[in-house]
């Protein structure tokens, strides 16, 4: 399932539409329509994060069917200390990179 399919599903579940999501997220409606129409597998990370926040999901939701937890990610940074917010951003970016491979 591509990003567009997942976005379509979220829009329906939240009883909203692409124009309302555009206003709420700050991502142009044309970009949202394009993601849906192409069922995109690649998207600008900033747009993806804005859409994720506006819909109440993580960017990882759009990129992967697998769920990773923050503890696993933190373990890969051997002794470095990150805030919860920083770990979430790392997790979102990792999911984005992973989705770009497809």
PDB file of N, CA and C in Angstrom:
ATOM      1  N   UNK A   1       0.849  -1.172   0.000  1.00  0.00           N
ATOM      2  CA  UNK A   1       0.000   0.000   0.000  1.00  0.00           C
ATOM      3  C   UNK A   1       0.900   1.241   0.000  1.00  0.00           C
ATOM      4  N   UNK A   2       0.696   2.124  -0.970  1.00  0.00           N
ATOM      5  CA  UNK A   2       1.502   3.333  -1.081  1.00  0.00           C
ATOM      6  C   UNK A   2       1.029   4.433  -0.142  1.00  0.00           C
ATOM      7  N   UNK A   3       1.769   5.510  -0.135  1.00  0.00           N
ATOM      8  CA  UNK A   3       1.445   6.650   0.724  1.00  0.00           C
ATOM      9  C   UNK A   3       0.075   7.211   0.367  1.00  0.00           C
ATOM     10  N   UNK A   4      -0.225   7.289  -0.924  1.00  0.00           N
ATOM     11  CA  UNK A   4      -1.518   7.813  -1.362  1.00  0.00           C
ATOM     12  C   UNK A   4      -2.685   6.983  -0.863  1.00  0.00           C
ATOM     13  N   UNK A   5      -2.549   5.668  -0.903  1.00  0.00           N
ATOM     14  CA  UNK A   5      -3.612   4.775  -0.413  1.00  0.00           C
ATOM     15  C   UNK A   5      -3.829   4.952   1.082  1.00  0.00           C
ATOM     16  N   UNK A   6      -2.732   5.047   1.805  1.00  0.00           N
ATOM     17  CA  UNK A   6      -2.841   5.230   3.254  1.00  0.00           C
ATOM     18  C   UNK A   6      -3.442   6.593   3.577  1.00  0.00           C
ATOM     19  N   UNK A   7      -3.073   7.594   2.796  1.00  0.00           N
ATOM     20  CA  UNK A   7      -3.615   8.932   3.002  1.00  0.00           C
ATOM     21  C   UNK A   7      -5.112   8.949   2.706  1.00  0.00           C
ATOM     22  N   UNK A   8      -5.522   8.294   1.634  1.00  0.00           N
ATOM     23  CA  UNK A   8      -6.941   8.193   1.291  1.00  0.00           C
ATOM     24  C   UNK A   8      -7.715   7.527   2.425  1.00  0.00           C
ATOM     25  N   UNK A   9      -7.166   6.450   2.950  1.00  0.00           N
ATOM     26  CA  UNK A   9      -7.806   5.727   4.059  1.00  0.00           C
ATOM     27  C   UNK A   9      -7.960   6.636   5.279  1.00  0.00           C
ATOM     28  N   UNK A  10      -6.904   7.367   5.621  1.00  0.00           N
ATOM     29  CA  UNK A  10      -6.961   8.280   6.771  1.00  0.00           C
ATOM     30  C   UNK A  10      -7.994   9.380   6.574  1.00  0.00           C
ATOM     31  N   UNK A  11      -8.023   9.946   5.379  1.00  0.00           N
ATOM     32  CA  UNK A  11      -8.973  11.020   5.078  1.00  0.00           C
ATOM     33  C   UNK A  11     -10.400  10.513   5.265  1.00  0.00           C
ATOM     34  N   UNK A  12     -10.678   9.310   4.774  1.00  0.00           N
ATOM     35  CA  UNK A  12     -12.020   8.725   4.931  1.00  0.00           C
ATOM     36  C   UNK A  12     -12.328   8.448   6.398  1.00  0.00           C
ATOM     37  N   UNK A  13     -11.366   7.848   7.109  1.00  0.00           N
ATOM     38  CA  UNK A  13     -11.570   7.527   8.527  1.00  0.00           C
ATOM     39  C   UNK A  13     -11.833   8.777   9.358  1.00  0.00           C
ATOM     40  N   UNK A  14     -11.198   9.880   8.990  1.00  0.00           N
ATOM     41  CA  UNK A  14     -11.331  11.117   9.757  1.00  0.00           C
ATOM     42  C   UNK A  14     -12.437  12.015   9.218  1.00  0.00           C
ATOM     43  N   UNK A  15     -13.191  11.477   8.248  1.00  0.00           N
ATOM     44  CA  UNK A  15     -14.335  12.194   7.684  1.00  0.00           C
ATOM     45  C   UNK A  15     -13.957  13.615   7.266  1.00  0.00           C
ATOM     46  N   UNK A  16     -12.879  13.722   6.515  1.00  0.00           N
ATOM     47  CA  UNK A  16     -12.391  15.013   6.046  1.00  0.00           C
ATOM     48  C   UNK A  16     -12.144  14.915   4.547  1.00  0.00           C
ATOM     49  N   UNK A  17     -11.454  15.877   3.984  1.00  0.00           N
ATOM     50  CA  UNK A  17     -11.108  15.829   2.564  1.00  0.00           C
ATOM     51  C   UNK A  17      -9.732  16.456   2.358  1.00  0.00           C
ATOM     52  N   UNK A  18      -9.236  16.352   1.146  1.00  0.00           N
ATOM     53  CA  UNK A  18      -7.883  16.831   0.847  1.00  0.00           C
ATOM     54  C   UNK A  18      -7.742  18.334   1.068  1.00  0.00           C
ATOM     55  N   UNK A  19      -8.781  19.094   0.748  1.00  0.00           N
ATOM     56  CA  UNK A  19      -8.707  20.547   0.944  1.00  0.00           C
ATOM     57  C   UNK A  19      -8.609  20.910   2.423  1.00  0.00           C
ATOM     58  N   UNK A  20      -9.393  20.243   3.258  1.00  0.00           N
ATOM     59  CA  UNK A  20      -9.326  20.499   4.703  1.00  0.00           C
ATOM     60  C   UNK A  20      -7.968  20.076   5.257  1.00  0.00           C
ATOM     61  N   UNK A  21      -7.463  18.948   4.779  1.00  0.00           N
ATOM     62  CA  UNK A  21      -6.148  18.483   5.218  1.00  0.00           C
ATOM     63  C   UNK A  21      -5.066  19.478   4.800  1.00  0.00           C
ATOM     64  N   UNK A  22      -5.202  20.038   3.618  1.00  0.00           N
ATOM     65  CA  UNK A  22      -4.240  21.034   3.142  1.00  0.00           C
ATOM     66  C   UNK A  22      -4.221  22.245   4.071  1.00  0.00           C
ATOM     67  N   UNK A  23      -5.395  22.712   4.449  1.00  0.00           N
ATOM     68  CA  UNK A  23      -5.472  23.863   5.361  1.00  0.00           C
ATOM     69  C   UNK A  23      -4.872  23.531   6.717  1.00  0.00           C
ATOM     70  N   UNK A  24      -5.186  22.360   7.215  1.00  0.00           N
ATOM     71  CA  UNK A  24      -4.721  21.961   8.543  1.00  0.00           C
ATOM     72  C   UNK A  24      -3.210  21.701   8.571  1.00  0.00           C
ATOM     73  N   UNK A  25      -2.674  21.143   7.493  1.00  0.00           N
ATOM     74  CA  UNK A  25      -1.263  20.743   7.472  1.00  0.00           C
ATOM     75  C   UNK A  25      -0.325  21.810   6.912  1.00  0.00           C
ATOM     76  N   UNK A  26      -0.866  22.695   6.094  1.00  0.00           N
ATOM     77  CA  UNK A  26      -0.010  23.676   5.437  1.00  0.00           C
ATOM     78  C   UNK A  26       0.639  23.140   4.166  1.00  0.00           C
ATOM     79  N   UNK A  27       0.262  21.934   3.770  1.00  0.00           N
ATOM     80  CA  UNK A  27       0.745  21.334   2.524  1.00  0.00           C
ATOM     81  C   UNK A  27      -0.267  21.690   1.435  1.00  0.00           C
ATOM     82  N   UNK A  28       0.182  22.197   0.288  1.00  0.00           N
ATOM     83  CA  UNK A  28      -0.762  22.582  -0.763  1.00  0.00           C
ATOM     84  C   UNK A  28      -1.700  21.436  -1.160  1.00  0.00           C
ATOM     85  N   UNK A  29      -2.962  21.775  -1.403  1.00  0.00           N
ATOM     86  CA  UNK A  29      -3.952  20.770  -1.796  1.00  0.00           C
ATOM     87  C   UNK A  29      -3.495  20.025  -3.044  1.00  0.00           C
ATOM     88  N   UNK A  30      -2.876  20.721  -3.967  1.00  0.00           N
ATOM     89  CA  UNK A  30      -2.390  20.095  -5.199  1.00  0.00           C
ATOM     90  C   UNK A  30      -1.385  18.981  -4.884  1.00  0.00           C
ATOM     91  N   UNK A  31      -0.541  19.200  -3.892  1.00  0.00           N
ATOM     92  CA  UNK A  31       0.433  18.180  -3.486  1.00  0.00           C
ATOM     93  C   UNK A  31      -0.284  16.967  -2.909  1.00  0.00           C
ATOM     94  N   UNK A  32      -1.273  17.214  -2.069  1.00  0.00           N
ATOM     95  CA  UNK A  32      -2.033  16.112  -1.463  1.00  0.00           C
ATOM     96  C   UNK A  32      -2.768  15.319  -2.539  1.00  0.00           C
ATOM     97  N   UNK A  33      -3.438  16.018  -3.459  1.00  0.00           N
ATOM     98  CA  UNK A  33      -4.127  15.327  -4.552  1.00  0.00           C
ATOM     99  C   UNK A  33      -3.148  14.507  -5.394  1.00  0.00           C
ATOM    100  N   UNK A  34      -1.973  15.049  -5.635  1.00  0.00           N
ATOM    101  CA  UNK A  34      -0.958  14.348  -6.417  1.00  0.00           C
ATOM    102  C   UNK A  34      -0.489  13.079  -5.706  1.00  0.00           C
ATOM    103  N   UNK A  35      -0.268  13.168  -4.399  1.00  0.00           N
ATOM    104  CA  UNK A  35       0.139  11.988  -3.623  1.00  0.00           C
ATOM    105  C   UNK A  35      -0.910  10.891  -3.723  1.00  0.00           C
ATOM    106  N   UNK A  36      -2.176  11.291  -3.626  1.00  0.00           N
ATOM    107  CA  UNK A  36      -3.274  10.323  -3.684  1.00  0.00           C
ATOM    108  C   UNK A  36      -3.369   9.721  -5.086  1.00  0.00           C
ATOM    109  N   UNK A  37      -3.357  10.568  -6.090  1.00  0.00           N
ATOM    110  CA  UNK A  37      -3.527  10.119  -7.476  1.00  0.00           C
ATOM    111  C   UNK A  37      -2.405   9.166  -7.902  1.00  0.00           C
ATOM    112  N   UNK A  38      -1.170   9.485  -7.529  1.00  0.00           N
ATOM    113  CA  UNK A  38      -0.020   8.660  -7.924  1.00  0.00           C
ATOM    114  C   UNK A  38       0.207   7.486  -6.980  1.00  0.00           C
ATOM    115  N   UNK A  39      -0.499   7.470  -5.855  1.00  0.00           N
ATOM    116  CA  UNK A  39      -0.234   6.503  -4.781  1.00  0.00           C
ATOM    117  C   UNK A  39       1.270   6.467  -4.529  1.00  0.00           C
ATOM    118  N   UNK A  40       1.803   7.656  -4.319  1.00  0.00           N
ATOM    119  CA  UNK A  40       3.246   7.888  -4.236  1.00  0.00           C
ATOM    120  C   UNK A  40       3.941   6.985  -3.229  1.00  0.00           C
ATOM    121  N   UNK A  41       5.165   6.614  -3.578  1.00  0.00           N
ATOM    122  CA  UNK A  41       6.015   5.903  -2.624  1.00  0.00           C
ATOM    123  C   UNK A  41       7.152   6.807  -2.173  1.00  0.00           C
ATOM    124  N   UNK A  42       7.298   7.952  -2.846  1.00  0.00           N
ATOM    125  CA  UNK A  42       8.309   8.940  -2.464  1.00  0.00           C
ATOM    126  C   UNK A  42       7.621  10.282  -2.284  1.00  0.00           C
ATOM    127  N   UNK A  43       8.009  10.962  -1.224  1.00  0.00           N
ATOM    128  CA  UNK A  43       7.413  12.263  -0.931  1.00  0.00           C
ATOM    129  C   UNK A  43       8.427  13.090  -0.149  1.00  0.00           C
ATOM    130  N   UNK A  44       8.330  14.389  -0.265  1.00  0.00           N
ATOM    131  CA  UNK A  44       9.185  15.291   0.497  1.00  0.00           C
ATOM    132  C   UNK A  44       8.957  15.045   1.990  1.00  0.00           C
ATOM    133  N   UNK A  45      10.023  14.854   2.739  1.00  0.00           N
ATOM    134  CA  UNK A  45       9.914  14.507   4.161  1.00  0.00           C
ATOM    135  C   UNK A  45       9.195  15.587   4.960  1.00  0.00           C
ATOM    136  N   UNK A  46       9.424  16.854   4.637  1.00  0.00           N
ATOM    137  CA  UNK A  46       8.742  17.929   5.364  1.00  0.00           C
ATOM    138  C   UNK A  46       7.233  17.863   5.154  1.00  0.00           C
ATOM    139  N   UNK A  47       6.814  17.610   3.924  1.00  0.00           N
ATOM    140  CA  UNK A  47       5.383  17.483   3.634  1.00  0.00           C
ATOM    141  C   UNK A  47       4.799  16.280   4.356  1.00  0.00           C
ATOM    142  N   UNK A  48       5.531  15.178   4.328  1.00  0.00           N
ATOM    143  CA  UNK A  48       5.060  13.964   4.986  1.00  0.00           C
ATOM    144  C   UNK A  48       4.870  14.186   6.484  1.00  0.00           C
ATOM    145  N   UNK A  49       5.813  14.848   7.112  1.00  0.00           N
ATOM    146  CA  UNK A  49       5.713  15.115   8.550  1.00  0.00           C
ATOM    147  C   UNK A  49       4.537  16.041   8.845  1.00  0.00           C
ATOM    148  N   UNK A  50       4.338  17.063   8.030  1.00  0.00           N
ATOM    149  CA  UNK A  50       3.202  17.978   8.231  1.00  0.00           C
ATOM    150  C   UNK A  50       1.876  17.239   8.100  1.00  0.00           C
ATOM    151  N   UNK A  51       1.770  16.382   7.090  1.00  0.00           N
ATOM    152  CA  UNK A  51       0.541  15.607   6.890  1.00  0.00           C
ATOM    153  C   UNK A  51       0.341  14.643   8.054  1.00  0.00           C
ATOM    154  N   UNK A  52       1.408  13.996   8.476  1.00  0.00           N
ATOM    155  CA  UNK A  52       1.314  13.056   9.598  1.00  0.00           C
ATOM    156  C   UNK A  52       0.821  13.759  10.856  1.00  0.00           C
ATOM    157  N   UNK A  53       1.398  14.902  11.159  1.00  0.00           N
ATOM    158  CA  UNK A  53       0.984  15.644  12.359  1.00  0.00           C
ATOM    159  C   UNK A  53      -0.473  16.082  12.259  1.00  0.00           C
ATOM    160  N   UNK A  54      -0.876  16.531  11.075  1.00  0.00           N
ATOM    161  CA  UNK A  54      -2.249  17.005  10.887  1.00  0.00           C
ATOM    162  C   UNK A  54      -3.269  15.877  11.001  1.00  0.00           C
ATOM    163  N   UNK A  55      -2.852  14.656  10.683  1.00  0.00           N
ATOM    164  CA  UNK A  55      -3.767  13.518  10.758  1.00  0.00           C
ATOM    165  C   UNK A  55      -3.610  12.713  12.047  1.00  0.00           C
ATOM    166  N   UNK A  56      -2.635  13.092  12.864  1.00  0.00           N
ATOM    167  CA  UNK A  56      -2.463  12.429  14.152  1.00  0.00           C
ATOM    168  C   UNK A  56      -1.743  11.096  14.087  1.00  0.00           C
ATOM    169  N   UNK A  57      -0.948  10.888  13.041  1.00  0.00           N
ATOM    170  CA  UNK A  57      -0.153   9.664  12.938  1.00  0.00           C
ATOM    171  C   UNK A  57       1.318  10.051  12.812  1.00  0.00           C
ATOM    172  N   UNK A  58       2.187   9.063  12.847  1.00  0.00           N
ATOM    173  CA  UNK A  58       3.608   9.341  12.624  1.00  0.00           C
ATOM    174  C   UNK A  58       3.890   9.234  11.131  1.00  0.00           C
ATOM    175  N   UNK A  59       4.978   9.806  10.690  1.00  0.00           N
ATOM    176  CA  UNK A  59       5.378   9.685   9.289  1.00  0.00           C
ATOM    177  C   UNK A  59       5.625   8.217   8.943  1.00  0.00           C
ATOM    178  N   UNK A  60       6.060   7.458   9.924  1.00  0.00           N
ATOM    179  CA  UNK A  60       6.315   6.033   9.710  1.00  0.00           C
ATOM    180  C   UNK A  60       5.050   5.297   9.265  1.00  0.00           C
ATOM    181  N   UNK A  61       3.897   5.747   9.713  1.00  0.00           N
ATOM    182  CA  UNK A  61       2.628   5.131   9.317  1.00  0.00           C
ATOM    183  C   UNK A  61       2.526   5.047   7.794  1.00  0.00           C
ATOM    184  N   UNK A  62       2.965   6.099   7.116  1.00  0.00           N
ATOM    185  CA  UNK A  62       2.853   6.153   5.667  1.00  0.00           C
ATOM    186  C   UNK A  62       3.921   5.324   4.964  1.00  0.00           C
ATOM    187  N   UNK A  63       5.026   5.093   5.631  1.00  0.00           N
ATOM    188  CA  UNK A  63       6.190   4.495   4.979  1.00  0.00           C
ATOM    189  C   UNK A  63       6.354   3.009   5.203  1.00  0.00           C
ATOM    190  N   UNK A  64       5.748   2.482   6.214  1.00  0.00           N
ATOM    191  CA  UNK A  64       6.038   1.098   6.558  1.00  0.00           C
ATOM    192  C   UNK A  64       4.843   0.449   7.219  1.00  0.00           C
ATOM    193  N   UNK A  65       4.677  -0.822   6.960  1.00  0.00           N
ATOM    194  CA  UNK A  65       3.646  -1.590   7.647  1.00  0.00           C
ATOM    195  C   UNK A  65       4.192  -2.197   8.926  1.00  0.00           C
ATOM    196  N   UNK A  66       5.498  -2.058   9.115  1.00  0.00           N
ATOM    197  CA  UNK A  66       6.123  -2.567  10.326  1.00  0.00           C
ATOM    198  C   UNK A  66       6.132  -1.477  11.385  1.00  0.00           C
ATOM    199  N   UNK A  67       6.048  -1.870  12.628  1.00  0.00           N
ATOM    200  CA  UNK A  67       6.104  -0.909  13.721  1.00  0.00           C
ATOM    201  C   UNK A  67       7.416  -1.099  14.454  1.00  0.00           C
ATOM    202  N   UNK A  68       8.183  -0.017  14.549  1.00  0.00           N
ATOM    203  CA  UNK A  68       9.424  -0.061  15.318  1.00  0.00           C
ATOM    204  C   UNK A  68       9.177   0.692  16.605  1.00  0.00           C
ATOM    205  N   UNK A  69       9.881   0.327  17.633  1.00  0.00           N
ATOM    206  CA  UNK A  69       9.696   1.113  18.845  1.00  0.00           C
ATOM    207  C   UNK A  69      10.926   1.964  19.110  1.00  0.00           C
ATOM    208  N   UNK A  70      10.725   3.010  19.867  1.00  0.00           N
ATOM    209  CA  UNK A  70      11.777   3.981  20.132  1.00  0.00           C
ATOM    210  C   UNK A  70      12.977   3.341  20.819  1.00  0.00           C
ATOM    211  N   UNK A  71      12.746   2.354  21.643  1.00  0.00           N
ATOM    212  CA  UNK A  71      13.844   1.703  22.347  1.00  0.00           C
ATOM    213  C   UNK A  71      14.811   1.050  21.368  1.00  0.00           C
ATOM    214  N   UNK A  72      14.286   0.385  20.360  1.00  0.00           N
ATOM    215  CA  UNK A  72      15.137  -0.249  19.358  1.00  0.00           C
ATOM    216  C   UNK A  72      15.964   0.792  18.628  1.00  0.00           C
ATOM    217  N   UNK A  73      15.346   1.877  18.253  1.00  0.00           N
ATOM    218  CA  UNK A  73      16.063   2.943  17.555  1.00  0.00           C
ATOM    219  C   UNK A  73      17.132   3.532  18.463  1.00  0.00           C
ATOM    220  N   UNK A  74      16.796   3.788  19.698  1.00  0.00           N
ATOM    221  CA  UNK A  74      17.750   4.379  20.632  1.00  0.00           C
ATOM    222  C   UNK A  74      18.970   3.484  20.802  1.00  0.00           C
ATOM    223  N   UNK A  75      18.780   2.191  20.758  1.00  0.00           N
ATOM    224  CA  UNK A  75      19.886   1.255  20.932  1.00  0.00           C
ATOM    225  C   UNK A  75      20.919   1.373  19.817  1.00  0.00           C
ATOM    226  N   UNK A  76      20.507   1.833  18.676  1.00  0.00           N
ATOM    227  CA  UNK A  76      21.418   1.976  17.547  1.00  0.00           C
ATOM    228  C   UNK A  76      22.313   3.207  17.654  1.00  0.00           C
ATOM    229  N   UNK A  77      22.112   4.024  18.645  1.00  0.00           N
ATOM    230  CA  UNK A  77      22.892   5.246  18.788  1.00  0.00           C
ATOM    231  C   UNK A  77      23.876   5.169  19.944  1.00  0.00           C
ATOM    232  N   UNK A  78      24.149   3.978  20.409  1.00  0.00           N
ATOM    233  CA  UNK A  78      25.203   3.674  21.367  1.00  0.00           C
ATOM    234  C   UNK A  78      25.648   4.808  22.282  1.00  0.00           C
ATOM    235  N   UNK A  79      24.929   5.048  23.319  1.00  0.00           N
ATOM    236  CA  UNK A  79      25.380   6.015  24.315  1.00  0.00           C
ATOM    237  C   UNK A  79      24.990   7.449  24.036  1.00  0.00           C
ATOM    238  N   UNK A  80      24.619   7.779  22.806  1.00  0.00           N
ATOM    239  CA  UNK A  80      24.171   9.141  22.522  1.00  0.00           C
ATOM    240  C   UNK A  80      22.825   9.352  23.199  1.00  0.00           C
ATOM    241  N   UNK A  81      22.616  10.546  23.695  1.00  0.00           N
ATOM    242  CA  UNK A  81      21.347  10.833  24.353  1.00  0.00           C
ATOM    243  C   UNK A  81      20.498  11.721  23.465  1.00  0.00           C
ATOM    244  N   UNK A  82      19.262  11.302  23.250  1.00  0.00           N
ATOM    245  CA  UNK A  82      18.315  12.046  22.433  1.00  0.00           C
ATOM    246  C   UNK A  82      17.032  12.233  23.221  1.00  0.00           C
ATOM    247  N   UNK A  83      16.366  13.337  22.961  1.00  0.00           N
ATOM    248  CA  UNK A  83      15.058  13.551  23.579  1.00  0.00           C
ATOM    249  C   UNK A  83      14.049  12.671  22.852  1.00  0.00           C
ATOM    250  N   UNK A  84      12.887  12.517  23.440  1.00  0.00           N
ATOM    251  CA  UNK A  84      11.816  11.740  22.819  1.00  0.00           C
ATOM    252  C   UNK A  84      11.448  12.340  21.459  1.00  0.00           C
ATOM    253  N   UNK A  85      11.395  13.664  21.395  1.00  0.00           N
ATOM    254  CA  UNK A  85      11.064  14.345  20.136  1.00  0.00           C
ATOM    255  C   UNK A  85      12.133  14.081  19.070  1.00  0.00           C
ATOM    256  N   UNK A  86      13.400  14.130  19.470  1.00  0.00           N
ATOM    257  CA  UNK A  86      14.487  13.857  18.522  1.00  0.00           C
ATOM    258  C   UNK A  86      14.431  12.411  18.026  1.00  0.00           C
ATOM    259  N   UNK A  87      14.134  11.481  18.926  1.00  0.00           N
ATOM    260  CA  UNK A  87      14.014  10.082  18.524  1.00  0.00           C
ATOM    261  C   UNK A  87      12.859   9.893  17.550  1.00  0.00           C
ATOM    262  N   UNK A  88      11.754  10.606  17.776  1.00  0.00           N
ATOM    263  CA  UNK A  88      10.623  10.517  16.853  1.00  0.00           C
ATOM    264  C   UNK A  88      11.004  11.036  15.474  1.00  0.00           C
ATOM    265  N   UNK A  89      11.759  12.127  15.427  1.00  0.00           N
ATOM    266  CA  UNK A  89      12.199  12.668  14.136  1.00  0.00           C
ATOM    267  C   UNK A  89      13.146  11.692  13.442  1.00  0.00           C
ATOM    268  N   UNK A  90      14.031  11.081  14.206  1.00  0.00           N
ATOM    269  CA  UNK A  90      14.949  10.082  13.645  1.00  0.00           C
ATOM    270  C   UNK A  90      14.147   8.911  13.091  1.00  0.00           C
ATOM    271  N   UNK A  91      13.169   8.471  13.847  1.00  0.00           N
ATOM    272  CA  UNK A  91      12.321   7.361  13.438  1.00  0.00           C
ATOM    273  C   UNK A  91      11.562   7.699  12.152  1.00  0.00           C
ATOM    274  N   UNK A  92      11.017   8.913  12.081  1.00  0.00           N
ATOM    275  CA  UNK A  92      10.289   9.345  10.887  1.00  0.00           C
ATOM    276  C   UNK A  92      11.209   9.393   9.673  1.00  0.00           C
ATOM    277  N   UNK A  93      12.402   9.913   9.867  1.00  0.00           N
ATOM    278  CA  UNK A  93      13.333  10.004   8.750  1.00  0.00           C
ATOM    279  C   UNK A  93      13.781   8.615   8.302  1.00  0.00           C
ATOM    280  N   UNK A  94      14.027   7.729   9.243  1.00  0.00           N
ATOM    281  CA  UNK A  94      14.432   6.363   8.899  1.00  0.00           C
ATOM    282  C   UNK A  94      13.344   5.671   8.083  1.00  0.00           C
ATOM    283  N   UNK A  95      12.094   5.871   8.460  1.00  0.00           N
ATOM    284  CA  UNK A  95      10.980   5.285   7.716  1.00  0.00           C
ATOM    285  C   UNK A  95      10.905   5.875   6.312  1.00  0.00           C
ATOM    286  N   UNK A  96      11.153   7.165   6.210  1.00  0.00           N
ATOM    287  CA  UNK A  96      11.144   7.830   4.907  1.00  0.00           C
ATOM    288  C   UNK A  96      12.233   7.260   4.002  1.00  0.00           C
ATOM    289  N   UNK A  97      13.430   7.113   4.529  1.00  0.00           N
ATOM    290  CA  UNK A  97      14.544   6.570   3.749  1.00  0.00           C
ATOM    291  C   UNK A  97      14.223   5.147   3.313  1.00  0.00           C
ATOM    292  N   UNK A  98      13.667   4.370   4.219  1.00  0.00           N
ATOM    293  CA  UNK A  98      13.313   2.989   3.923  1.00  0.00           C
ATOM    294  C   UNK A  98      12.277   2.923   2.802  1.00  0.00           C
ATOM    295  N   UNK A  99      11.302   3.815   2.841  1.00  0.00           N
ATOM    296  CA  UNK A  99      10.255   3.841   1.818  1.00  0.00           C
ATOM    297  C   UNK A  99      10.809   4.272   0.461  1.00  0.00           C
ATOM    298  N   UNK A 100      11.852   5.053   0.462  1.00  0.00           N
ATOM    299  CA  UNK A 100      12.452   5.531  -0.790  1.00  0.00           C
ATOM    300  C   UNK A 100      13.127   4.406  -1.569  1.00  0.00           C
ATOM    301  N   UNK A 101      13.428   3.316  -0.901  1.00  0.00           N
ATOM    302  CA  UNK A 101      14.079   2.177  -1.559  1.00  0.00           C
ATOM    303  C   UNK A 101      13.142   1.451  -2.506  1.00  0.00           C
ATOM    304  N   UNK A 102      11.857   1.533  -2.254  1.00  0.00           N
ATOM    305  CA  UNK A 102      10.870   0.740  -3.016  1.00  0.00           C
ATOM    306  C   UNK A 102      10.661   1.264  -4.401  1.00  0.00           C
TER     307      UNK A 102
END
